[in-house]
Amino acid sequence: MSIDARTVFEALESSGKEGIGVITLALETGYSQSDLRRFFKNHKQYCVPLNGETKYKLSQFTETRGSVDKMVAEIEGQKANDRVYRAFGYGLIVGLFIANIGTFFELLF
C-alpha cells in the first residue's frame, strides 16, 4: 500500500512537540502500523522517533524546517528523479541490445 506522505506529515504536525504514537497514527490515518513503520524507516530525515520509536514527530532540523509542503515536494522530487534514472537505465540496456542485434544474428546464422 502506498502511503500519502501529506496525510502522515499533517497528522504528525498536529501532534506538536509531544509526537504521536504509531498505533494512534494508524487509527487516524487508516494505514497499518507496519506500513507506517516502513514509511518512517524510508523517511528518517523528516520524522524523529521519540521513546524508542513508539512515538514520532516532525523533524525541525532539516532544510524543510517542519514544513509539510516542502517535505512533500522533496519526496515527490525524489520519486521523479528515481523514475528518470530507472527509465534511463532501461533505455541504455535496450539501446545497447538494439545496437548489437546484428552481431547476434551473425552468430546465429
C-alpha atoms as a PDB file:
ATOM      1  CA  MET A   1       0.000   0.000   0.000  1.00  0.00           C
ATOM      2  CA  SER A   2       1.296   3.404  -0.915  1.00  0.00           C
ATOM      3  CA  ILE A   3       1.182   5.939   1.881  1.00  0.00           C
ATOM      4  CA  ASP A   4       0.254   9.547   1.182  1.00  0.00           C
ATOM      5  CA  ALA A   5       3.080  11.497   2.792  1.00  0.00           C
ATOM      6  CA  ARG A   6       0.960  14.608   3.228  1.00  0.00           C
ATOM      7  CA  THR A   7      -1.579  12.730   5.378  1.00  0.00           C
ATOM      8  CA  VAL A   8       1.115  11.367   7.690  1.00  0.00           C
ATOM      9  CA  PHE A   9       3.021  14.647   7.918  1.00  0.00           C
ATOM     10  CA  GLU A  10      -0.141  16.627   8.697  1.00  0.00           C
ATOM     11  CA  ALA A  11      -1.041  14.186  11.482  1.00  0.00           C
ATOM     12  CA  LEU A  12       2.488  14.488  12.890  1.00  0.00           C
ATOM     13  CA  GLU A  13       2.323  18.273  12.621  1.00  0.00           C
ATOM     14  CA  SER A  14      -0.970  18.408  14.523  1.00  0.00           C
ATOM     15  CA  SER A  15       0.535  16.341  17.349  1.00  0.00           C
ATOM     16  CA  GLY A  16       3.116  19.027  18.031  1.00  0.00           C
ATOM     17  CA  LYS A  17       6.268  18.527  20.109  1.00  0.00           C
ATOM     18  CA  GLU A  18       4.813  15.624  22.090  1.00  0.00           C
ATOM     19  CA  GLY A  19       4.639  13.466  18.985  1.00  0.00           C
ATOM     20  CA  ILE A  20       2.130  10.773  18.210  1.00  0.00           C
ATOM     21  CA  GLY A  21       2.230   7.029  18.735  1.00  0.00           C
ATOM     22  CA  VAL A  22       2.260   4.624  15.823  1.00  0.00           C
ATOM     23  CA  ILE A  23      -0.985   2.991  16.964  1.00  0.00           C
ATOM     24  CA  THR A  24      -2.797   6.321  17.261  1.00  0.00           C
ATOM     25  CA  LEU A  25      -1.381   7.452  13.928  1.00  0.00           C
ATOM     26  CA  ALA A  26      -2.578   4.230  12.311  1.00  0.00           C
ATOM     27  CA  LEU A  27      -6.084   4.847  13.670  1.00  0.00           C
ATOM     28  CA  GLU A  28      -6.066   8.484  12.497  1.00  0.00           C
ATOM     29  CA  THR A  29      -4.737   7.854   9.004  1.00  0.00           C
ATOM     30  CA  GLY A  30      -6.146   4.412   8.241  1.00  0.00           C
ATOM     31  CA  TYR A  31      -2.731   2.980   7.355  1.00  0.00           C
ATOM     32  CA  SER A  32      -1.392  -0.170   9.005  1.00  0.00           C
ATOM     33  CA  GLN A  33       1.281   0.094  11.675  1.00  0.00           C
ATOM     34  CA  SER A  34       3.747  -1.892   9.574  1.00  0.00           C
ATOM     35  CA  ASP A  35       3.231   0.445   6.594  1.00  0.00           C
ATOM     36  CA  LEU A  36       3.786   3.456   8.852  1.00  0.00           C
ATOM     37  CA  ARG A  37       6.948   1.958  10.343  1.00  0.00           C
ATOM     38  CA  ARG A  38       8.254   1.290   6.818  1.00  0.00           C
ATOM     39  CA  PHE A  39       7.383   4.882   5.877  1.00  0.00           C
ATOM     40  CA  PHE A  40       9.300   6.210   8.905  1.00  0.00           C
ATOM     41  CA  LYS A  41      12.269   4.000   8.065  1.00  0.00           C
ATOM     42  CA  ASN A  42      12.341   5.308   4.479  1.00  0.00           C
ATOM     43  CA  HIS A  43      11.931   8.953   5.530  1.00  0.00           C
ATOM     44  CA  LYS A  44      14.140   9.217   8.619  1.00  0.00           C
ATOM     45  CA  GLN A  45      15.185  12.757   7.764  1.00  0.00           C
ATOM     46  CA  TYR A  46      11.614  14.053   8.189  1.00  0.00           C
ATOM     47  CA  CYS A  47      10.355  12.043  11.185  1.00  0.00           C
ATOM     48  CA  VAL A  48      12.099  11.970  14.564  1.00  0.00           C
ATOM     49  CA  PRO A  49      11.497   8.905  16.785  1.00  0.00           C
ATOM     50  CA  LEU A  50      10.675   9.504  20.439  1.00  0.00           C
ATOM     51  CA  ASN A  51      10.565   6.990  23.310  1.00  0.00           C
ATOM     52  CA  GLY A  52      12.400   4.251  21.443  1.00  0.00           C
ATOM     53  CA  GLU A  53      10.369   4.514  18.224  1.00  0.00           C
ATOM     54  CA  THR A  54       6.942   4.279  19.863  1.00  0.00           C
ATOM     55  CA  LYS A  55       6.186   7.932  19.066  1.00  0.00           C
ATOM     56  CA  TYR A  56       7.219  10.176  16.194  1.00  0.00           C
ATOM     57  CA  LYS A  57       7.223  13.898  15.480  1.00  0.00           C
ATOM     58  CA  LEU A  58       8.282  16.082  12.573  1.00  0.00           C
ATOM     59  CA  SER A  59      11.955  16.961  12.405  1.00  0.00           C
ATOM     60  CA  GLN A  60      12.773  20.635  12.798  1.00  0.00           C
ATOM     61  CA  PHE A  61      16.437  20.169  11.899  1.00  0.00           C
ATOM     62  CA  THR A  62      16.219  19.696   8.125  1.00  0.00           C
ATOM     63  CA  GLU A  63      16.184  22.259   5.350  1.00  0.00           C
ATOM     64  CA  THR A  64      12.402  21.984   5.271  1.00  0.00           C
ATOM     65  CA  ARG A  65      12.144  23.039   8.962  1.00  0.00           C
ATOM     66  CA  GLY A  66       8.981  21.016   9.557  1.00  0.00           C
ATOM     67  CA  SER A  67       7.065  22.462   6.605  1.00  0.00           C
ATOM     68  CA  VAL A  68       4.673  19.793   5.329  1.00  0.00           C
ATOM     69  CA  ASP A  69       4.501  21.321   1.845  1.00  0.00           C
ATOM     70  CA  LYS A  70       8.288  21.392   1.477  1.00  0.00           C
ATOM     71  CA  MET A  71       8.644  17.820   2.751  1.00  0.00           C
ATOM     72  CA  VAL A  72       6.041  16.517   0.326  1.00  0.00           C
ATOM     73  CA  ALA A  73       7.661  18.454  -2.526  1.00  0.00           C
ATOM     74  CA  GLU A  74      11.064  16.912  -1.717  1.00  0.00           C
ATOM     75  CA  ILE A  75       9.609  13.392  -1.612  1.00  0.00           C
ATOM     76  CA  GLU A  76       7.807  13.919  -4.939  1.00  0.00           C
ATOM     77  CA  GLY A  77      11.037  15.281  -6.437  1.00  0.00           C
ATOM     78  CA  GLN A  78      12.939  12.210  -5.247  1.00  0.00           C
ATOM     79  CA  LYS A  79      10.296   9.932  -6.780  1.00  0.00           C
ATOM     80  CA  ALA A  80      10.521  11.790 -10.091  1.00  0.00           C
ATOM     81  CA  ASN A  81      14.315  11.507 -10.102  1.00  0.00           C
ATOM     82  CA  ASP A  82      14.092   7.780  -9.368  1.00  0.00           C
ATOM     83  CA  ARG A  83      11.715   7.310 -12.321  1.00  0.00           C
ATOM     84  CA  VAL A  84      14.065   9.236 -14.631  1.00  0.00           C
ATOM     85  CA  TYR A  85      17.115   7.217 -13.556  1.00  0.00           C
ATOM     86  CA  ARG A  86      15.224   3.939 -13.929  1.00  0.00           C
ATOM     87  CA  ALA A  87      13.953   4.916 -17.397  1.00  0.00           C
ATOM     88  CA  PHE A  88      17.458   5.961 -18.448  1.00  0.00           C
ATOM     89  CA  GLY A  89      18.846   2.617 -17.292  1.00  0.00           C
ATOM     90  CA  TYR A  90      16.220   0.659 -19.208  1.00  0.00           C
ATOM     91  CA  GLY A  91      16.762   2.833 -22.274  1.00  0.00           C
ATOM     92  CA  LEU A  92      20.504   2.261 -22.103  1.00  0.00           C
ATOM     93  CA  ILE A  93      20.102  -1.515 -21.927  1.00  0.00           C
ATOM     94  CA  VAL A  94      17.602  -1.568 -24.802  1.00  0.00           C
ATOM     95  CA  GLY A  95      19.814   0.742 -26.846  1.00  0.00           C
ATOM     96  CA  LEU A  96      22.839  -1.497 -26.363  1.00  0.00           C
ATOM     97  CA  PHE A  97      20.779  -4.529 -27.308  1.00  0.00           C
ATOM     98  CA  ILE A  98      19.438  -2.879 -30.480  1.00  0.00           C
ATOM     99  CA  ALA A  99      22.894  -1.633 -31.456  1.00  0.00           C
ATOM    100  CA  ASN A 100      24.296  -5.167 -31.220  1.00  0.00           C
ATOM    101  CA  ILE A 101      21.374  -7.113 -32.645  1.00  0.00           C
ATOM    102  CA  GLY A 102      23.175  -7.502 -35.986  1.00  0.00           C
ATOM    103  CA  THR A 103      26.069  -9.212 -34.231  1.00  0.00           C
ATOM    104  CA  PHE A 104      23.662 -11.633 -32.537  1.00  0.00           C
ATOM    105  CA  PHE A 105      22.082 -12.546 -35.882  1.00  0.00           C
ATOM    106  CA  GLU A 106      25.503 -13.152 -37.417  1.00  0.00           C
ATOM    107  CA  LEU A 107      26.334 -15.570 -34.619  1.00  0.00           C
ATOM    108  CA  LEU A 108      23.046 -17.424 -35.014  1.00  0.00           C
ATOM    109  CA  PHE A 109      23.058 -17.774 -38.803  1.00  0.00           C
END
